[in-house]
PDB file of all heavy atoms in Angstrom:
ATOM      1  N   ARG A   1      62.942  83.375 212.075  1.00  0.00           N
ATOM      2  CA  ARG A   1      61.483  83.464 212.255  1.00  0.00           C
ATOM      3  C   ARG A   1      60.847  84.182 211.074  1.00  0.00           C
ATOM      4  O   ARG A   1      59.810  83.745 210.553  1.00  0.00           O
ATOM      5  CB  ARG A   1      61.158  84.196 213.559  1.00  0.00           C
ATOM      6  CG  ARG A   1      59.652  84.342 213.809  1.00  0.00           C
ATOM      7  CD  ARG A   1      59.374  84.995 215.146  1.00  0.00           C
ATOM      8  NE  ARG A   1      59.869  86.358 215.204  1.00  0.00           N
ATOM      9  CZ  ARG A   1      59.751  87.142 216.288  1.00  0.00           C
ATOM     10  NH1 ARG A   1      59.205  86.677 217.392  1.00  0.00           N
ATOM     11  NH2 ARG A   1      60.206  88.382 216.258  1.00  0.00           N
ATOM     12  N   ARG A   2      61.451  85.275 210.640  1.00  0.00           N
ATOM     13  CA  ARG A   2      60.905  86.029 209.511  1.00  0.00           C
ATOM     14  C   ARG A   2      60.892  85.188 208.239  1.00  0.00           C
ATOM     15  O   ARG A   2      59.893  85.148 207.518  1.00  0.00           O
ATOM     16  CB  ARG A   2      61.726  87.296 209.303  1.00  0.00           C
ATOM     17  CG  ARG A   2      61.189  88.200 208.202  1.00  0.00           C
ATOM     18  CD  ARG A   2      62.021  89.464 208.076  1.00  0.00           C
ATOM     19  NE  ARG A   2      62.013  90.245 209.302  1.00  0.00           N
ATOM     20  CZ  ARG A   2      62.708  91.357 209.475  1.00  0.00           C
ATOM     21  NH1 ARG A   2      63.509  91.802 208.520  1.00  0.00           N
ATOM     22  NH2 ARG A   2      62.634  92.022 210.613  1.00  0.00           N
ATOM     23  N   VAL A   3      61.987  84.494 207.974  1.00  0.00           N
ATOM     24  CA  VAL A   3      62.082  83.648 206.777  1.00  0.00           C
ATOM     25  C   VAL A   3      61.074  82.507 206.854  1.00  0.00           C
ATOM     26  O   VAL A   3      60.360  82.212 205.883  1.00  0.00           O
ATOM     27  CB  VAL A   3      63.512  83.095 206.609  1.00  0.00           C
ATOM     28  CG1 VAL A   3      63.562  82.053 205.500  1.00  0.00           C
ATOM     29  CG2 VAL A   3      64.494  84.225 206.323  1.00  0.00           C
ATOM     30  N   ALA A   4      60.999  81.837 208.018  1.00  0.00           N
ATOM     31  CA  ALA A   4      60.095  80.697 208.176  1.00  0.00           C
ATOM     32  C   ALA A   4      58.636  81.104 207.999  1.00  0.00           C
ATOM     33  O   ALA A   4      57.863  80.414 207.324  1.00  0.00           O
ATOM     34  CB  ALA A   4      60.301  80.054 209.551  1.00  0.00           C
ATOM     35  N   ASN A   5      58.254  82.227 208.583  1.00  0.00           N
ATOM     36  CA  ASN A   5      56.867  82.686 208.452  1.00  0.00           C
ATOM     37  C   ASN A   5      56.543  83.086 207.011  1.00  0.00           C
ATOM     38  O   ASN A   5      55.438  82.842 206.529  1.00  0.00           O
ATOM     39  CB  ASN A   5      56.610  83.864 209.400  1.00  0.00           C
ATOM     40  CG  ASN A   5      56.423  83.417 210.839  1.00  0.00           C
ATOM     41  OD1 ASN A   5      55.849  82.366 211.096  1.00  0.00           O
ATOM     42  ND2 ASN A   5      56.912  84.211 211.776  1.00  0.00           N
ATOM     43  N   PHE A   6      57.499  83.690 206.328  1.00  0.00           N
ATOM     44  CA  PHE A   6      57.302  84.066 204.920  1.00  0.00           C
ATOM     45  C   PHE A   6      57.055  82.824 204.065  1.00  0.00           C
ATOM     46  O   PHE A   6      56.108  82.780 203.267  1.00  0.00           O
ATOM     47  CB  PHE A   6      58.535  84.820 204.415  1.00  0.00           C
ATOM     48  CG  PHE A   6      58.458  85.238 202.972  1.00  0.00           C
ATOM     49  CD1 PHE A   6      57.823  86.421 202.607  1.00  0.00           C
ATOM     50  CD2 PHE A   6      59.011  84.445 201.974  1.00  0.00           C
ATOM     51  CE1 PHE A   6      57.742  86.797 201.272  1.00  0.00           C
ATOM     52  CE2 PHE A   6      58.939  84.813 200.638  1.00  0.00           C
ATOM     53  CZ  PHE A   6      58.299  86.001 200.289  1.00  0.00           C
ATOM     54  N   ILE A   7      57.891  81.806 204.252  1.00  0.00           N
ATOM     55  CA  ILE A   7      57.736  80.579 203.463  1.00  0.00           C
ATOM     56  C   ILE A   7      56.452  79.840 203.845  1.00  0.00           C
ATOM     57  O   ILE A   7      55.708  79.369 202.981  1.00  0.00           O
ATOM     58  CB  ILE A   7      58.960  79.666 203.658  1.00  0.00           C
ATOM     59  CG1 ILE A   7      60.228  80.342 203.132  1.00  0.00           C
ATOM     60  CG2 ILE A   7      58.755  78.329 202.954  1.00  0.00           C
ATOM     61  CD1 ILE A   7      61.505  79.589 203.465  1.00  0.00           C
ATOM     62  N   ALA A   8      56.191  79.735 205.155  1.00  0.00           N
ATOM     63  CA  ALA A   8      55.008  78.996 205.619  1.00  0.00           C
ATOM     64  C   ALA A   8      53.721  79.624 205.113  1.00  0.00           C
ATOM     65  O   ALA A   8      52.784  78.924 204.716  1.00  0.00           O
ATOM     66  CB  ALA A   8      55.001  78.930 207.147  1.00  0.00           C
ATOM     67  N   ASP A   9      53.659  80.957 205.140  1.00  0.00           N
ATOM     68  CA  ASP A   9      52.471  81.642 204.636  1.00  0.00           C
ATOM     69  C   ASP A   9      52.165  81.238 203.203  1.00  0.00           C
ATOM     70  O   ASP A   9      51.030  80.881 202.866  1.00  0.00           O
ATOM     71  CB  ASP A   9      52.670  83.157 204.688  1.00  0.00           C
ATOM     72  CG  ASP A   9      52.018  83.762 205.911  1.00  0.00           C
ATOM     73  OD1 ASP A   9      51.326  83.041 206.645  1.00  0.00           O
ATOM     74  OD2 ASP A   9      52.201  84.967 206.139  1.00  0.00           O
ATOM     75  N   ARG A  10      53.162  81.289 202.365  1.00  0.00           N
ATOM     76  CA  ARG A  10      52.953  80.970 200.952  1.00  0.00           C
ATOM     77  C   ARG A  10      52.680  79.484 200.748  1.00  0.00           C
ATOM     78  O   ARG A  10      51.868  79.107 199.910  1.00  0.00           O
ATOM     79  CB  ARG A  10      54.174  81.433 200.141  1.00  0.00           C
ATOM     80  CG  ARG A  10      54.081  82.918 199.847  1.00  0.00           C
ATOM     81  CD  ARG A  10      55.407  83.633 199.887  1.00  0.00           C
ATOM     82  NE  ARG A  10      55.177  85.090 199.787  1.00  0.00           N
ATOM     83  CZ  ARG A  10      54.821  85.838 200.818  1.00  0.00           C
ATOM     84  NH1 ARG A  10      54.641  85.305 202.001  1.00  0.00           N
ATOM     85  NH2 ARG A  10      54.623  87.140 200.659  1.00  0.00           N
ATOM     86  N   TYR A  11      53.336  78.661 201.516  1.00  0.00           N
ATOM     87  CA  TYR A  11      53.156  77.215 201.403  1.00  0.00           C
ATOM     88  C   TYR A  11      51.726  76.811 201.773  1.00  0.00           C
ATOM     89  O   TYR A  11      51.044  76.113 201.012  1.00  0.00           O
ATOM     90  CB  TYR A  11      54.158  76.502 202.304  1.00  0.00           C
ATOM     91  CG  TYR A  11      54.041  74.998 202.290  1.00  0.00           C
ATOM     92  CD1 TYR A  11      54.599  74.250 201.259  1.00  0.00           C
ATOM     93  CD2 TYR A  11      53.385  74.334 203.317  1.00  0.00           C
ATOM     94  CE1 TYR A  11      54.494  72.872 201.254  1.00  0.00           C
ATOM     95  CE2 TYR A  11      53.275  72.950 203.315  1.00  0.00           C
ATOM     96  CZ  TYR A  11      53.834  72.222 202.284  1.00  0.00           C
ATOM     97  OH  TYR A  11      53.727  70.860 202.274  1.00  0.00           O
ATOM     98  N   PHE A  12      51.247  77.265 202.926  1.00  0.00           N
ATOM     99  CA  PHE A  12      49.928  76.840 203.393  1.00  0.00           C
ATOM    100  C   PHE A  12      48.795  77.551 202.646  1.00  0.00           C
ATOM    101  O   PHE A  12      47.736  76.962 202.415  1.00  0.00           O
ATOM    102  CB  PHE A  12      49.811  77.048 204.903  1.00  0.00           C
ATOM    103  CG  PHE A  12      50.588  76.038 205.693  1.00  0.00           C
ATOM    104  CD1 PHE A  12      51.742  76.393 206.379  1.00  0.00           C
ATOM    105  CD2 PHE A  12      50.193  74.716 205.754  1.00  0.00           C
ATOM    106  CE1 PHE A  12      52.469  75.470 207.092  1.00  0.00           C
ATOM    107  CE2 PHE A  12      50.902  73.769 206.470  1.00  0.00           C
ATOM    108  CZ  PHE A  12      52.053  74.148 207.143  1.00  0.00           C
ATOM    109  N   LEU A  13      49.011  78.808 202.265  1.00  0.00           N
ATOM    110  CA  LEU A  13      47.995  79.477 201.446  1.00  0.00           C
ATOM    111  C   LEU A  13      47.813  78.760 200.118  1.00  0.00           C
ATOM    112  O   LEU A  13      46.700  78.664 199.590  1.00  0.00           O
ATOM    113  CB  LEU A  13      48.374  80.941 201.225  1.00  0.00           C
ATOM    114  CG  LEU A  13      48.142  81.883 202.402  1.00  0.00           C
ATOM    115  CD1 LEU A  13      48.728  83.266 202.109  1.00  0.00           C
ATOM    116  CD2 LEU A  13      46.655  81.998 202.737  1.00  0.00           C
ATOM    117  N   ASN A  14      48.903  78.239 199.578  1.00  0.00           N
ATOM    118  CA  ASN A  14      48.822  77.472 198.333  1.00  0.00           C
ATOM    119  C   ASN A  14      48.034  76.181 198.540  1.00  0.00           C
ATOM    120  O   ASN A  14      47.235  75.783 197.670  1.00  0.00           O
ATOM    121  CB  ASN A  14      50.227  77.154 197.823  1.00  0.00           C
ATOM    122  CG  ASN A  14      50.216  76.523 196.446  1.00  0.00           C
ATOM    123  OD1 ASN A  14      49.582  77.028 195.515  1.00  0.00           O
ATOM    124  ND2 ASN A  14      50.933  75.423 196.289  1.00  0.00           N
ATOM    125  N   LEU A  15      48.225  75.523 199.696  1.00  0.00           N
ATOM    126  CA  LEU A  15      47.464  74.312 199.990  1.00  0.00           C
ATOM    127  C   LEU A  15      45.970  74.617 200.122  1.00  0.00           C
ATOM    128  O   LEU A  15      45.118  73.821 199.709  1.00  0.00           O
ATOM    129  CB  LEU A  15      47.970  73.662 201.281  1.00  0.00           C
ATOM    130  CG  LEU A  15      49.374  73.061 201.252  1.00  0.00           C
ATOM    131  CD1 LEU A  15      49.689  72.403 202.600  1.00  0.00           C
ATOM    132  CD2 LEU A  15      49.540  72.049 200.123  1.00  0.00           C
ATOM    133  N   ILE A  16      45.648  75.788 200.691  1.00  0.00           N
ATOM    134  CA  ILE A  16      44.241  76.180 200.808  1.00  0.00           C
ATOM    135  C   ILE A  16      43.655  76.495 199.437  1.00  0.00           C
ATOM    136  O   ILE A  16      42.536  76.084 199.101  1.00  0.00           O
ATOM    137  CB  ILE A  16      44.107  77.378 201.771  1.00  0.00           C
ATOM    138  CG1 ILE A  16      44.416  76.938 203.205  1.00  0.00           C
ATOM    139  CG2 ILE A  16      42.699  77.978 201.700  1.00  0.00           C
ATOM    140  CD1 ILE A  16      44.515  78.080 204.194  1.00  0.00           C
ATOM    141  N   LYS A  17      44.419  77.217 198.609  1.00  0.00           N
ATOM    142  CA  LYS A  17      43.940  77.557 197.262  1.00  0.00           C
ATOM    143  C   LYS A  17      43.711  76.307 196.421  1.00  0.00           C
ATOM    144  O   LYS A  17      42.783  76.244 195.604  1.00  0.00           O
ATOM    145  CB  LYS A  17      44.944  78.476 196.573  1.00  0.00           C
ATOM    146  CG  LYS A  17      44.968  79.891 197.118  1.00  0.00           C
ATOM    147  CD  LYS A  17      46.029  80.734 196.427  1.00  0.00           C
ATOM    148  CE  LYS A  17      46.083  82.147 196.996  1.00  0.00           C
ATOM    149  NZ  LYS A  17      47.165  82.951 196.364  1.00  0.00           N
ATOM    150  N   LYS A  18      44.549  75.296 196.617  1.00  0.00           N
ATOM    151  CA  LYS A  18      44.424  74.047 195.857  1.00  0.00           C
ATOM    152  C   LYS A  18      43.403  73.092 196.485  1.00  0.00           C
ATOM    153  O   LYS A  18      43.191  72.001 195.990  1.00  0.00           O
ATOM    154  CB  LYS A  18      45.782  73.353 195.767  1.00  0.00           C
ATOM    155  CG  LYS A  18      46.777  74.060 194.865  1.00  0.00           C
ATOM    156  CD  LYS A  18      48.070  73.261 194.777  1.00  0.00           C
ATOM    157  CE  LYS A  18      49.037  73.878 193.780  1.00  0.00           C
ATOM    158  NZ  LYS A  18      50.309  73.100 193.687  1.00  0.00           N
ATOM    159  N   ASP A  19      42.790  73.510 197.578  1.00  0.00           N
ATOM    160  CA  ASP A  19      41.790  72.706 198.278  1.00  0.00           C
ATOM    161  C   ASP A  19      42.377  71.447 198.908  1.00  0.00           C
ATOM    162  O   ASP A  19      41.661  70.474 199.156  1.00  0.00           O
ATOM    163  CB  ASP A  19      40.635  72.335 197.346  1.00  0.00           C
ATOM    164  CG  ASP A  19      39.274  72.488 198.027  1.00  0.00           C
ATOM    165  OD1 ASP A  19      39.199  73.204 199.037  1.00  0.00           O
ATOM    166  OD2 ASP A  19      38.299  71.881 197.541  1.00  0.00           O
ATOM    167  N   VAL A  20      43.685  71.464 199.144  1.00  0.00           N
ATOM    168  CA  VAL A  20      44.304  70.373 199.892  1.00  0.00           C
ATOM    169  C   VAL A  20      43.903  70.494 201.361  1.00  0.00           C
ATOM    170  O   VAL A  20      43.563  69.508 202.026  1.00  0.00           O
ATOM    171  CB  VAL A  20      45.835  70.397 199.747  1.00  0.00           C
ATOM    172  CG1 VAL A  20      46.478  69.316 200.618  1.00  0.00           C
ATOM    173  CG2 VAL A  20      46.226  70.207 198.288  1.00  0.00           C
ATOM    174  N   ILE A  21      43.957  71.718 201.880  1.00  0.00           N
ATOM    175  CA  ILE A  21      43.359  72.042 203.179  1.00  0.00           C
ATOM    176  C   ILE A  21      42.051  72.760 202.875  1.00  0.00           C
ATOM    177  O   ILE A  21      42.046  73.830 202.264  1.00  0.00           O
ATOM    178  CB  ILE A  21      44.283  72.949 204.012  1.00  0.00           C
ATOM    179  CG1 ILE A  21      45.616  72.263 204.299  1.00  0.00           C
ATOM    180  CG2 ILE A  21      43.601  73.339 205.317  1.00  0.00           C
ATOM    181  CD1 ILE A  21      46.619  73.140 205.036  1.00  0.00           C
ATOM    182  N   THR A  22      40.944  72.169 203.287  1.00  0.00           N
ATOM    183  CA  THR A  22      39.628  72.688 202.914  1.00  0.00           C
ATOM    184  C   THR A  22      38.940  73.324 204.117  1.00  0.00           C
ATOM    185  O   THR A  22      38.717  72.658 205.134  1.00  0.00           O
ATOM    186  CB  THR A  22      38.744  71.566 202.354  1.00  0.00           C
ATOM    187  OG1 THR A  22      39.412  70.954 201.245  1.00  0.00           O
ATOM    188  CG2 THR A  22      37.408  72.114 201.882  1.00  0.00           C
ATOM    189  N   ILE A  23      38.652  74.613 204.014  1.00  0.00           N
ATOM    190  CA  ILE A  23      37.923  75.335 205.058  1.00  0.00           C
ATOM    191  C   ILE A  23      36.585  75.781 204.479  1.00  0.00           C
ATOM    192  O   ILE A  23      36.533  76.632 203.596  1.00  0.00           O
ATOM    193  CB  ILE A  23      38.729  76.553 205.551  1.00  0.00           C
ATOM    194  CG1 ILE A  23      40.116  76.115 206.040  1.00  0.00           C
ATOM    195  CG2 ILE A  23      37.971  77.280 206.669  1.00  0.00           C
ATOM    196  CD1 ILE A  23      41.046  77.261 206.397  1.00  0.00           C
ATOM    197  N   ASP A  24      35.512  75.186 204.968  1.00  0.00           N
ATOM    198  CA  ASP A  24      34.182  75.488 204.431  1.00  0.00           C
ATOM    199  C   ASP A  24      33.580  76.754 205.014  1.00  0.00           C
ATOM    200  O   ASP A  24      32.697  77.361 204.396  1.00  0.00           O
ATOM    201  CB  ASP A  24      33.238  74.303 204.683  1.00  0.00           C
ATOM    202  CG  ASP A  24      33.476  73.162 203.703  1.00  0.00           C
ATOM    203  OD1 ASP A  24      34.110  73.402 202.656  1.00  0.00           O
ATOM    204  OD2 ASP A  24      33.034  72.028 203.985  1.00  0.00           O
ATOM    205  N   GLY A  25      34.013  77.153 206.198  1.00  0.00           N
ATOM    206  CA  GLY A  25      33.434  78.355 206.787  1.00  0.00           C
ATOM    207  C   GLY A  25      33.898  78.575 208.211  1.00  0.00           C
ATOM    208  O   GLY A  25      34.576  77.739 208.809  1.00  0.00           O
TER     209      GLY A  25
END
């Protein structure tokens, strides 16, 4: 669980930073 959450955090935050997942507000 610790490893999966560590990887997932970085993976999805990167998608948000790259605007692949777009959150307007």
